[in-house]
Amino acid sequence: MDILFVKGLEISCLVGIQEWERKQPQPLLFSIELGFEHRRSASLDDIGDAIEPADVVAELQLFASTRDDLLLDALGEACCAFLQKRFAPSHITLTIEKPRAAEALACQSVGVRITRHSARR
């Protein structure tokens, strides 16, 4: 199994239950792991069979930035479903961190990590 990953992607999103969180988007940090079988594209050195990280980043930025969720969990679930539908990985691990919430809680990091496996195996 091969993993395509993006770590620390900043996307501004409207998410949260606090009054200040509902007024304007806040920066969130996304880290994504998508499981694929890349032997064919690697052996042929063919971009046609590969997943381009720039496509994952651009599409996730567009999708997540248009959401309006109360719960970070709901945003994470929606992003996982979107990535599954768009790129069809064998599994997804998505981490979303809320830097402003971590600052308010006086900790290094706070967020959610969701792992989903495809029904197709």
C-alpha atoms as a PDB file:
ATOM      1  CA  MET A   1       0.000   0.000   0.000  1.00  0.00           C
ATOM      2  CA  ASP A   2       1.266   3.418  -0.909  1.00  0.00           C
ATOM      3  CA  ILE A   3       0.352   6.659   0.824  1.00  0.00           C
ATOM      4  CA  LEU A   4      -0.065  10.079  -0.742  1.00  0.00           C
ATOM      5  CA  PHE A   5       0.152  12.635   2.047  1.00  0.00           C
ATOM      6  CA  VAL A   6      -0.239  16.363   2.562  1.00  0.00           C
ATOM      7  CA  LYS A   7       0.741  17.766   5.951  1.00  0.00           C
ATOM      8  CA  GLY A   8      -0.135  21.127   7.508  1.00  0.00           C
ATOM      9  CA  LEU A   9      -2.353  22.524   4.740  1.00  0.00           C
ATOM     10  CA  GLU A  10      -3.936  25.743   6.015  1.00  0.00           C
ATOM     11  CA  ILE A  11      -7.543  26.357   4.978  1.00  0.00           C
ATOM     12  CA  SER A  12      -9.777  29.076   6.434  1.00  0.00           C
ATOM     13  CA  CYS A  13     -13.141  27.598   7.437  1.00  0.00           C
ATOM     14  CA  LEU A  14     -16.273  28.686   9.238  1.00  0.00           C
ATOM     15  CA  VAL A  15     -16.529  26.049  11.962  1.00  0.00           C
ATOM     16  CA  GLY A  16     -17.219  25.984  15.676  1.00  0.00           C
ATOM     17  CA  ILE A  17     -19.830  26.602  18.333  1.00  0.00           C
ATOM     18  CA  GLN A  18     -18.337  29.612  20.086  1.00  0.00           C
ATOM     19  CA  GLU A  19     -19.763  33.016  19.174  1.00  0.00           C
ATOM     20  CA  TRP A  20     -16.389  34.256  17.878  1.00  0.00           C
ATOM     21  CA  GLU A  21     -16.098  31.151  15.665  1.00  0.00           C
ATOM     22  CA  ARG A  22     -19.400  31.912  13.943  1.00  0.00           C
ATOM     23  CA  LYS A  23     -18.399  35.451  12.912  1.00  0.00           C
ATOM     24  CA  GLN A  24     -15.603  34.728  10.449  1.00  0.00           C
ATOM     25  CA  PRO A  25     -13.572  31.833   9.059  1.00  0.00           C
ATOM     26  CA  GLN A  26     -10.599  30.686  11.105  1.00  0.00           C
ATOM     27  CA  PRO A  27      -7.411  28.996   9.923  1.00  0.00           C
ATOM     28  CA  LEU A  28      -7.415  25.212  10.282  1.00  0.00           C
ATOM     29  CA  LEU A  29      -4.526  22.858   9.572  1.00  0.00           C
ATOM     30  CA  PHE A  30      -5.345  19.792   7.501  1.00  0.00           C
ATOM     31  CA  SER A  31      -3.149  16.718   7.181  1.00  0.00           C
ATOM     32  CA  ILE A  32      -4.301  14.039   4.759  1.00  0.00           C
ATOM     33  CA  GLU A  33      -3.186  10.498   4.017  1.00  0.00           C
ATOM     34  CA  LEU A  34      -4.748   8.715   1.054  1.00  0.00           C
ATOM     35  CA  GLY A  35      -3.975   5.033   0.507  1.00  0.00           C
ATOM     36  CA  PHE A  36      -3.442   3.890  -3.085  1.00  0.00           C
ATOM     37  CA  GLU A  37      -1.797   1.193  -5.119  1.00  0.00           C
ATOM     38  CA  HIS A  38       0.821   3.165  -7.062  1.00  0.00           C
ATOM     39  CA  ARG A  39       2.946   0.341  -8.471  1.00  0.00           C
ATOM     40  CA  ARG A  40       1.551   0.718 -11.984  1.00  0.00           C
ATOM     41  CA  SER A  41       2.113   4.483 -12.235  1.00  0.00           C
ATOM     42  CA  ALA A  42       5.531   4.161 -10.586  1.00  0.00           C
ATOM     43  CA  SER A  43       6.698   1.337 -12.873  1.00  0.00           C
ATOM     44  CA  LEU A  44       5.487   3.135 -16.004  1.00  0.00           C
ATOM     45  CA  ASP A  45       6.505   6.598 -14.749  1.00  0.00           C
ATOM     46  CA  ASP A  46       3.099   7.727 -16.051  1.00  0.00           C
ATOM     47  CA  ILE A  47       1.288  10.702 -14.533  1.00  0.00           C
ATOM     48  CA  GLY A  48      -1.954   9.424 -16.098  1.00  0.00           C
ATOM     49  CA  ASP A  49      -2.188   6.674 -13.468  1.00  0.00           C
ATOM     50  CA  ALA A  50      -1.081   8.809 -10.524  1.00  0.00           C
ATOM     51  CA  ILE A  51      -2.869  11.100  -8.112  1.00  0.00           C
ATOM     52  CA  GLU A  52      -1.471  14.619  -8.265  1.00  0.00           C
ATOM     53  CA  PRO A  53      -1.061  16.177  -4.779  1.00  0.00           C
ATOM     54  CA  ALA A  54      -1.847  19.611  -6.232  1.00  0.00           C
ATOM     55  CA  ASP A  55      -5.280  18.305  -7.295  1.00  0.00           C
ATOM     56  CA  VAL A  56      -5.987  16.942  -3.804  1.00  0.00           C
ATOM     57  CA  VAL A  57      -4.961  20.267  -2.245  1.00  0.00           C
ATOM     58  CA  ALA A  58      -6.926  22.464  -4.654  1.00  0.00           C
ATOM     59  CA  GLU A  59     -10.116  20.432  -4.423  1.00  0.00           C
ATOM     60  CA  LEU A  60     -10.007  20.078  -0.648  1.00  0.00           C
ATOM     61  CA  GLN A  61      -9.357  23.821  -0.260  1.00  0.00           C
ATOM     62  CA  LEU A  62     -12.388  24.646  -2.389  1.00  0.00           C
ATOM     63  CA  PHE A  63     -14.636  22.096  -0.676  1.00  0.00           C
ATOM     64  CA  ALA A  64     -13.680  22.837   2.946  1.00  0.00           C
ATOM     65  CA  SER A  65     -13.652  26.621   2.595  1.00  0.00           C
ATOM     66  CA  THR A  66     -17.300  26.647   1.480  1.00  0.00           C
ATOM     67  CA  ARG A  67     -18.572  24.611   4.461  1.00  0.00           C
ATOM     68  CA  ASP A  68     -20.362  26.018   7.525  1.00  0.00           C
ATOM     69  CA  ASP A  69     -20.236  23.393  10.273  1.00  0.00           C
ATOM     70  CA  LEU A  70     -20.749  23.654  14.005  1.00  0.00           C
ATOM     71  CA  LEU A  71     -18.625  20.613  14.793  1.00  0.00           C
ATOM     72  CA  LEU A  72     -15.114  19.909  13.592  1.00  0.00           C
ATOM     73  CA  ASP A  73     -16.191  16.253  13.432  1.00  0.00           C
ATOM     74  CA  ALA A  74     -18.899  17.137  10.883  1.00  0.00           C
ATOM     75  CA  LEU A  75     -16.384  19.020   8.737  1.00  0.00           C
ATOM     76  CA  GLY A  76     -13.994  16.077   8.939  1.00  0.00           C
ATOM     77  CA  GLU A  77     -16.663  13.543   7.961  1.00  0.00           C
ATOM     78  CA  ALA A  78     -17.756  15.681   5.012  1.00  0.00           C
ATOM     79  CA  CYS A  79     -14.143  16.091   3.835  1.00  0.00           C
ATOM     80  CA  CYS A  80     -13.516  12.340   4.095  1.00  0.00           C
ATOM     81  CA  ALA A  81     -16.650  11.577   2.072  1.00  0.00           C
ATOM     82  CA  PHE A  82     -15.643  14.162  -0.538  1.00  0.00           C
ATOM     83  CA  LEU A  83     -12.101  12.788  -0.862  1.00  0.00           C
ATOM     84  CA  GLN A  84     -13.415   9.223  -1.055  1.00  0.00           C
ATOM     85  CA  LYS A  85     -15.842  10.091  -3.821  1.00  0.00           C
ATOM     86  CA  ARG A  86     -13.361  12.204  -5.788  1.00  0.00           C
ATOM     87  CA  PHE A  87     -10.149  10.136  -5.523  1.00  0.00           C
ATOM     88  CA  ALA A  88     -11.352   6.645  -4.454  1.00  0.00           C
ATOM     89  CA  PRO A  89      -8.471   5.800  -2.101  1.00  0.00           C
ATOM     90  CA  SER A  90      -8.422   2.506  -0.210  1.00  0.00           C
ATOM     91  CA  HIS A  91      -8.318   4.482   3.023  1.00  0.00           C
ATOM     92  CA  ILE A  92      -8.216   8.054   4.286  1.00  0.00           C
ATOM     93  CA  THR A  93      -6.733   9.481   7.443  1.00  0.00           C
ATOM     94  CA  LEU A  94      -7.653  13.126   7.897  1.00  0.00           C
ATOM     95  CA  THR A  95      -6.423  15.291  10.758  1.00  0.00           C
ATOM     96  CA  ILE A  96      -7.843  18.778  11.297  1.00  0.00           C
ATOM     97  CA  GLU A  97      -6.246  21.009  13.910  1.00  0.00           C
ATOM     98  CA  LYS A  98      -7.699  24.234  15.316  1.00  0.00           C
ATOM     99  CA  PRO A  99      -4.731  26.470  16.217  1.00  0.00           C
ATOM    100  CA  ARG A 100      -6.893  29.194  17.779  1.00  0.00           C
ATOM    101  CA  ALA A 101      -8.683  26.675  19.984  1.00  0.00           C
ATOM    102  CA  ALA A 102      -5.326  25.219  21.040  1.00  0.00           C
ATOM    103  CA  GLU A 103      -4.141  28.707  21.938  1.00  0.00           C
ATOM    104  CA  ALA A 104      -7.295  29.345  23.986  1.00  0.00           C
ATOM    105  CA  LEU A 105      -6.782  26.021  25.795  1.00  0.00           C
ATOM    106  CA  ALA A 106      -3.064  26.676  26.368  1.00  0.00           C
ATOM    107  CA  CYS A 107      -2.009  23.508  24.585  1.00  0.00           C
ATOM    108  CA  GLN A 108       0.110  22.713  21.551  1.00  0.00           C
ATOM    109  CA  SER A 109      -2.615  21.219  19.380  1.00  0.00           C
ATOM    110  CA  VAL A 110      -6.283  20.263  19.410  1.00  0.00           C
ATOM    111  CA  GLY A 111      -8.466  18.788  16.701  1.00  0.00           C
ATOM    112  CA  VAL A 112      -9.868  15.572  15.260  1.00  0.00           C
ATOM    113  CA  ARG A 113      -8.356  12.648  13.388  1.00  0.00           C
ATOM    114  CA  ILE A 114     -10.663  10.486  11.302  1.00  0.00           C
ATOM    115  CA  THR A 115      -9.714   7.269   9.518  1.00  0.00           C
ATOM    116  CA  ARG A 116     -12.036   5.663   7.003  1.00  0.00           C
ATOM    117  CA  HIS A 117     -11.551   2.564   4.880  1.00  0.00           C
ATOM    118  CA  SER A 118     -13.190   1.989   1.521  1.00  0.00           C
ATOM    119  CA  ALA A 119     -15.887  -0.661   1.326  1.00  0.00           C
ATOM    120  CA  ARG A 120     -14.144  -1.885  -1.841  1.00  0.00           C
ATOM    121  CA  ARG A 121     -11.161  -4.069  -0.972  1.00  0.00           C
END
